[in-house]
Amino acid sequence: MRIVVAAILLPLFYFKFSGAEESSYICKTLEMEPYERIGSGIVALIASILIPRTTLL
């Protein structure tokens, strides 16, 4: 199950960093364009790296 979650989150950070139209639209609607998009991409990257390693905790 942890591999499935990591596999879902890994493409998400690429989607956020690439500046895809849908991601930019959502962030522009919230009036936080570069900060929210890149910040959530960093969080998705960190989570996808940490999920397989921290399941024992």
PDB file of N, CA and C in Angstrom:
ATOM      1  N   MET A   1       0.816  -1.192   0.000  1.00  0.00           N
ATOM      2  CA  MET A   1       0.000   0.000   0.000  1.00  0.00           C
ATOM      3  C   MET A   1       0.867   1.265   0.000  1.00  0.00           C
ATOM      4  N   ARG A   2       1.982   1.233   0.716  1.00  0.00           N
ATOM      5  CA  ARG A   2       2.839   2.422   0.771  1.00  0.00           C
ATOM      6  C   ARG A   2       3.468   2.726  -0.578  1.00  0.00           C
ATOM      7  N   ILE A   3       3.729   1.695  -1.377  1.00  0.00           N
ATOM      8  CA  ILE A   3       4.280   1.920  -2.716  1.00  0.00           C
ATOM      9  C   ILE A   3       3.239   2.576  -3.613  1.00  0.00           C
ATOM     10  N   VAL A   4       1.989   2.208  -3.443  1.00  0.00           N
ATOM     11  CA  VAL A   4       0.906   2.813  -4.230  1.00  0.00           C
ATOM     12  C   VAL A   4       0.797   4.301  -3.910  1.00  0.00           C
ATOM     13  N   VAL A   5       0.856   4.636  -2.635  1.00  0.00           N
ATOM     14  CA  VAL A   5       0.771   6.048  -2.242  1.00  0.00           C
ATOM     15  C   VAL A   5       1.958   6.832  -2.790  1.00  0.00           C
ATOM     16  N   ALA A   6       3.144   6.269  -2.693  1.00  0.00           N
ATOM     17  CA  ALA A   6       4.329   6.943  -3.224  1.00  0.00           C
ATOM     18  C   ALA A   6       4.231   7.089  -4.739  1.00  0.00           C
ATOM     19  N   ALA A   7       3.693   6.073  -5.412  1.00  0.00           N
ATOM     20  CA  ALA A   7       3.542   6.139  -6.872  1.00  0.00           C
ATOM     21  C   ALA A   7       2.533   7.198  -7.286  1.00  0.00           C
ATOM     22  N   ILE A   8       1.559   7.472  -6.445  1.00  0.00           N
ATOM     23  CA  ILE A   8       0.587   8.527  -6.749  1.00  0.00           C
ATOM     24  C   ILE A   8       1.203   9.902  -6.524  1.00  0.00           C
ATOM     25  N   LEU A   9       2.014  10.051  -5.493  1.00  0.00           N
ATOM     26  CA  LEU A   9       2.582  11.356  -5.162  1.00  0.00           C
ATOM     27  C   LEU A   9       3.741  11.767  -6.062  1.00  0.00           C
ATOM     28  N   LEU A  10       4.507  10.826  -6.571  1.00  0.00           N
ATOM     29  CA  LEU A  10       5.663  11.184  -7.409  1.00  0.00           C
ATOM     30  C   LEU A  10       5.277  11.959  -8.672  1.00  0.00           C
ATOM     31  N   PRO A  11       4.277  11.535  -9.442  1.00  0.00           N
ATOM     32  CA  PRO A  11       3.910  12.352 -10.603  1.00  0.00           C
ATOM     33  C   PRO A  11       3.311  13.704 -10.208  1.00  0.00           C
ATOM     34  N   LEU A  12       2.746  13.778  -9.009  1.00  0.00           N
ATOM     35  CA  LEU A  12       2.140  15.023  -8.569  1.00  0.00           C
ATOM     36  C   LEU A  12       3.164  16.145  -8.453  1.00  0.00           C
ATOM     37  N   PHE A  13       4.346  15.830  -7.908  1.00  0.00           N
ATOM     38  CA  PHE A  13       5.332  16.901  -7.773  1.00  0.00           C
ATOM     39  C   PHE A  13       5.836  17.349  -9.144  1.00  0.00           C
ATOM     40  N   TYR A  14       5.947  16.448 -10.112  1.00  0.00           N
ATOM     41  CA  TYR A  14       6.342  16.849 -11.464  1.00  0.00           C
ATOM     42  C   TYR A  14       5.270  17.746 -12.084  1.00  0.00           C
ATOM     43  N   PHE A  15       4.020  17.391 -11.865  1.00  0.00           N
ATOM     44  CA  PHE A  15       2.891  18.172 -12.383  1.00  0.00           C
ATOM     45  C   PHE A  15       2.921  19.589 -11.816  1.00  0.00           C
ATOM     46  N   LYS A  16       3.261  19.718 -10.542  1.00  0.00           N
ATOM     47  CA  LYS A  16       3.318  21.036  -9.908  1.00  0.00           C
ATOM     48  C   LYS A  16       4.514  21.850 -10.394  1.00  0.00           C
ATOM     49  N   PHE A  17       5.685  21.220 -10.515  1.00  0.00           N
ATOM     50  CA  PHE A  17       6.882  21.947 -10.916  1.00  0.00           C
ATOM     51  C   PHE A  17       6.898  22.318 -12.390  1.00  0.00           C
ATOM     52  N   SER A  18       6.190  21.566 -13.212  1.00  0.00           N
ATOM     53  CA  SER A  18       6.204  21.853 -14.645  1.00  0.00           C
ATOM     54  C   SER A  18       5.344  23.056 -15.000  1.00  0.00           C
ATOM     55  N   GLY A  19       4.512  23.499 -14.079  1.00  0.00           N
ATOM     56  CA  GLY A  19       3.655  24.648 -14.345  1.00  0.00           C
ATOM     57  C   GLY A  19       2.517  24.315 -15.283  1.00  0.00           C
ATOM     58  N   ALA A  20       1.957  23.138 -15.123  1.00  0.00           N
ATOM     59  CA  ALA A  20       0.854  22.704 -15.972  1.00  0.00           C
ATOM     60  C   ALA A  20      -0.318  23.680 -15.858  1.00  0.00           C
ATOM     61  N   GLU A  21      -1.092  23.749 -16.912  1.00  0.00           N
ATOM     62  CA  GLU A  21      -2.178  24.724 -16.983  1.00  0.00           C
ATOM     63  C   GLU A  21      -3.187  24.550 -15.849  1.00  0.00           C
ATOM     64  N   GLU A  22      -3.553  23.321 -15.537  1.00  0.00           N
ATOM     65  CA  GLU A  22      -4.542  23.078 -14.482  1.00  0.00           C
ATOM     66  C   GLU A  22      -4.008  23.512 -13.113  1.00  0.00           C
ATOM     67  N   SER A  23      -2.760  23.189 -12.857  1.00  0.00           N
ATOM     68  CA  SER A  23      -2.147  23.560 -11.582  1.00  0.00           C
ATOM     69  C   SER A  23      -2.046  25.078 -11.447  1.00  0.00           C
ATOM     70  N   SER A  24      -1.647  25.736 -12.503  1.00  0.00           N
ATOM     71  CA  SER A  24      -1.541  27.192 -12.467  1.00  0.00           C
ATOM     72  C   SER A  24      -2.906  27.844 -12.303  1.00  0.00           C
ATOM     73  N   TYR A  25      -3.926  27.284 -12.939  1.00  0.00           N
ATOM     74  CA  TYR A  25      -5.277  27.839 -12.833  1.00  0.00           C
ATOM     75  C   TYR A  25      -5.783  27.771 -11.395  1.00  0.00           C
ATOM     76  N   ILE A  26      -5.570  26.634 -10.748  1.00  0.00           N
ATOM     77  CA  ILE A  26      -6.028  26.477  -9.369  1.00  0.00           C
ATOM     78  C   ILE A  26      -5.315  27.477  -8.463  1.00  0.00           C
ATOM     79  N   CYS A  27      -4.022  27.616  -8.637  1.00  0.00           N
ATOM     80  CA  CYS A  27      -3.258  28.527  -7.782  1.00  0.00           C
ATOM     81  C   CYS A  27      -3.586  29.989  -8.073  1.00  0.00           C
ATOM     82  N   LYS A  28      -3.858  30.310  -9.324  1.00  0.00           N
ATOM     83  CA  LYS A  28      -4.248  31.690  -9.659  1.00  0.00           C
ATOM     84  C   LYS A  28      -5.604  32.014  -9.074  1.00  0.00           C
ATOM     85  N   THR A  29      -6.500  31.038  -9.031  1.00  0.00           N
ATOM     86  CA  THR A  29      -7.817  31.247  -8.440  1.00  0.00           C
ATOM     87  C   THR A  29      -7.684  31.548  -6.955  1.00  0.00           C
ATOM     88  N   LEU A  30      -6.753  30.891  -6.291  1.00  0.00           N
ATOM     89  CA  LEU A  30      -6.512  31.127  -4.867  1.00  0.00           C
ATOM     90  C   LEU A  30      -5.611  32.327  -4.619  1.00  0.00           C
ATOM     91  N   GLU A  31      -5.134  32.965  -5.697  1.00  0.00           N
ATOM     92  CA  GLU A  31      -4.250  34.128  -5.645  1.00  0.00           C
ATOM     93  C   GLU A  31      -2.952  33.843  -4.895  1.00  0.00           C
ATOM     94  N   MET A  32      -2.409  32.658  -5.117  1.00  0.00           N
ATOM     95  CA  MET A  32      -1.131  32.266  -4.514  1.00  0.00           C
ATOM     96  C   MET A  32      -0.291  31.552  -5.553  1.00  0.00           C
ATOM     97  N   GLU A  33      -0.217  32.063  -6.757  1.00  0.00           N
ATOM     98  CA  GLU A  33       0.310  31.317  -7.904  1.00  0.00           C
ATOM     99  C   GLU A  33       1.670  30.668  -7.692  1.00  0.00           C
ATOM    100  N   PRO A  34       2.754  31.345  -7.567  1.00  0.00           N
ATOM    101  CA  PRO A  34       3.982  30.539  -7.544  1.00  0.00           C
ATOM    102  C   PRO A  34       4.218  29.844  -6.208  1.00  0.00           C
ATOM    103  N   TYR A  35       3.787  30.462  -5.123  1.00  0.00           N
ATOM    104  CA  TYR A  35       4.147  29.942  -3.806  1.00  0.00           C
ATOM    105  C   TYR A  35       3.403  28.657  -3.463  1.00  0.00           C
ATOM    106  N   GLU A  36       2.111  28.625  -3.683  1.00  0.00           N
ATOM    107  CA  GLU A  36       1.322  27.441  -3.338  1.00  0.00           C
ATOM    108  C   GLU A  36       1.649  26.279  -4.252  1.00  0.00           C
ATOM    109  N   ARG A  37       1.836  26.558  -5.520  1.00  0.00           N
ATOM    110  CA  ARG A  37       2.112  25.488  -6.491  1.00  0.00           C
ATOM    111  C   ARG A  37       3.458  24.825  -6.206  1.00  0.00           C
ATOM    112  N   ILE A  38       4.480  25.608  -5.999  1.00  0.00           N
ATOM    113  CA  ILE A  38       5.807  25.051  -5.749  1.00  0.00           C
ATOM    114  C   ILE A  38       5.880  24.466  -4.338  1.00  0.00           C
ATOM    115  N   GLY A  39       5.252  25.116  -3.375  1.00  0.00           N
ATOM    116  CA  GLY A  39       5.251  24.589  -2.005  1.00  0.00           C
ATOM    117  C   GLY A  39       4.560  23.245  -1.909  1.00  0.00           C
ATOM    118  N   SER A  40       3.418  23.095  -2.567  1.00  0.00           N
ATOM    119  CA  SER A  40       2.731  21.802  -2.515  1.00  0.00           C
ATOM    120  C   SER A  40       3.495  20.748  -3.308  1.00  0.00           C
ATOM    121  N   GLY A  41       4.219  21.151  -4.326  1.00  0.00           N
ATOM    122  CA  GLY A  41       5.063  20.210  -5.055  1.00  0.00           C
ATOM    123  C   GLY A  41       6.213  19.700  -4.199  1.00  0.00           C
ATOM    124  N   ILE A  42       6.804  20.586  -3.411  1.00  0.00           N
ATOM    125  CA  ILE A  42       7.878  20.179  -2.502  1.00  0.00           C
ATOM    126  C   ILE A  42       7.341  19.235  -1.432  1.00  0.00           C
ATOM    127  N   VAL A  43       6.164  19.537  -0.897  1.00  0.00           N
ATOM    128  CA  VAL A  43       5.567  18.668   0.114  1.00  0.00           C
ATOM    129  C   VAL A  43       5.267  17.292  -0.473  1.00  0.00           C
ATOM    130  N   ALA A  44       4.759  17.238  -1.699  1.00  0.00           N
ATOM    131  CA  ALA A  44       4.478  15.950  -2.347  1.00  0.00           C
ATOM    132  C   ALA A  44       5.769  15.162  -2.580  1.00  0.00           C
ATOM    133  N   LEU A  45       6.834  15.834  -2.955  1.00  0.00           N
ATOM    134  CA  LEU A  45       8.112  15.163  -3.155  1.00  0.00           C
ATOM    135  C   LEU A  45       8.659  14.595  -1.844  1.00  0.00           C
ATOM    136  N   ILE A  46       8.635  15.390  -0.796  1.00  0.00           N
ATOM    137  CA  ILE A  46       9.120  14.926   0.502  1.00  0.00           C
ATOM    138  C   ILE A  46       8.272  13.769   1.016  1.00  0.00           C
ATOM    139  N   ALA A  47       6.971  13.876   0.877  1.00  0.00           N
ATOM    140  CA  ALA A  47       6.085  12.806   1.344  1.00  0.00           C
ATOM    141  C   ALA A  47       6.315  11.523   0.570  1.00  0.00           C
ATOM    142  N   SER A  48       6.504  11.614  -0.736  1.00  0.00           N
ATOM    143  CA  SER A  48       6.713  10.400  -1.530  1.00  0.00           C
ATOM    144  C   SER A  48       8.042   9.735  -1.210  1.00  0.00           C
ATOM    145  N   ILE A  49       9.017  10.512  -0.761  1.00  0.00           N
ATOM    146  CA  ILE A  49      10.307   9.933  -0.365  1.00  0.00           C
ATOM    147  C   ILE A  49      10.216   9.340   1.041  1.00  0.00           C
ATOM    148  N   LEU A  50       9.499  10.006   1.947  1.00  0.00           N
ATOM    149  CA  LEU A  50       9.458   9.571   3.331  1.00  0.00           C
ATOM    150  C   LEU A  50       8.466   8.443   3.610  1.00  0.00           C
ATOM    151  N   ILE A  51       7.408   8.320   2.830  1.00  0.00           N
ATOM    152  CA  ILE A  51       6.380   7.308   3.102  1.00  0.00           C
ATOM    153  C   ILE A  51       6.955   5.901   3.179  1.00  0.00           C
ATOM    154  N   PRO A  52       7.742   5.446   2.217  1.00  0.00           N
ATOM    155  CA  PRO A  52       8.264   4.082   2.329  1.00  0.00           C
ATOM    156  C   PRO A  52       9.234   3.890   3.489  1.00  0.00           C
ATOM    157  N   ARG A  53       9.886   4.938   3.934  1.00  0.00           N
ATOM    158  CA  ARG A  53      10.909   4.815   4.975  1.00  0.00           C
ATOM    159  C   ARG A  53      10.357   4.983   6.384  1.00  0.00           C
ATOM    160  N   THR A  54       9.192   5.576   6.536  1.00  0.00           N
ATOM    161  CA  THR A  54       8.692   5.881   7.872  1.00  0.00           C
ATOM    162  C   THR A  54       7.468   5.059   8.255  1.00  0.00           C
ATOM    163  N   THR A  55       7.190   3.990   7.590  1.00  0.00           N
ATOM    164  CA  THR A  55       5.994   3.219   7.897  1.00  0.00           C
ATOM    165  C   THR A  55       6.099   2.505   9.236  1.00  0.00           C
ATOM    166  N   LEU A  56       7.303   2.232   9.705  1.00  0.00           N
ATOM    167  CA  LEU A  56       7.453   1.584  11.011  1.00  0.00           C
ATOM    168  C   LEU A  56       7.107   2.532  12.165  1.00  0.00           C
ATOM    169  N   LEU A  57       7.261   3.828  11.935  1.00  0.00           N
ATOM    170  CA  LEU A  57       6.943   4.795  12.983  1.00  0.00           C
ATOM    171  C   LEU A  57       5.454   4.842  13.200  1.00  0.00           C
TER     172      LEU A  57
END
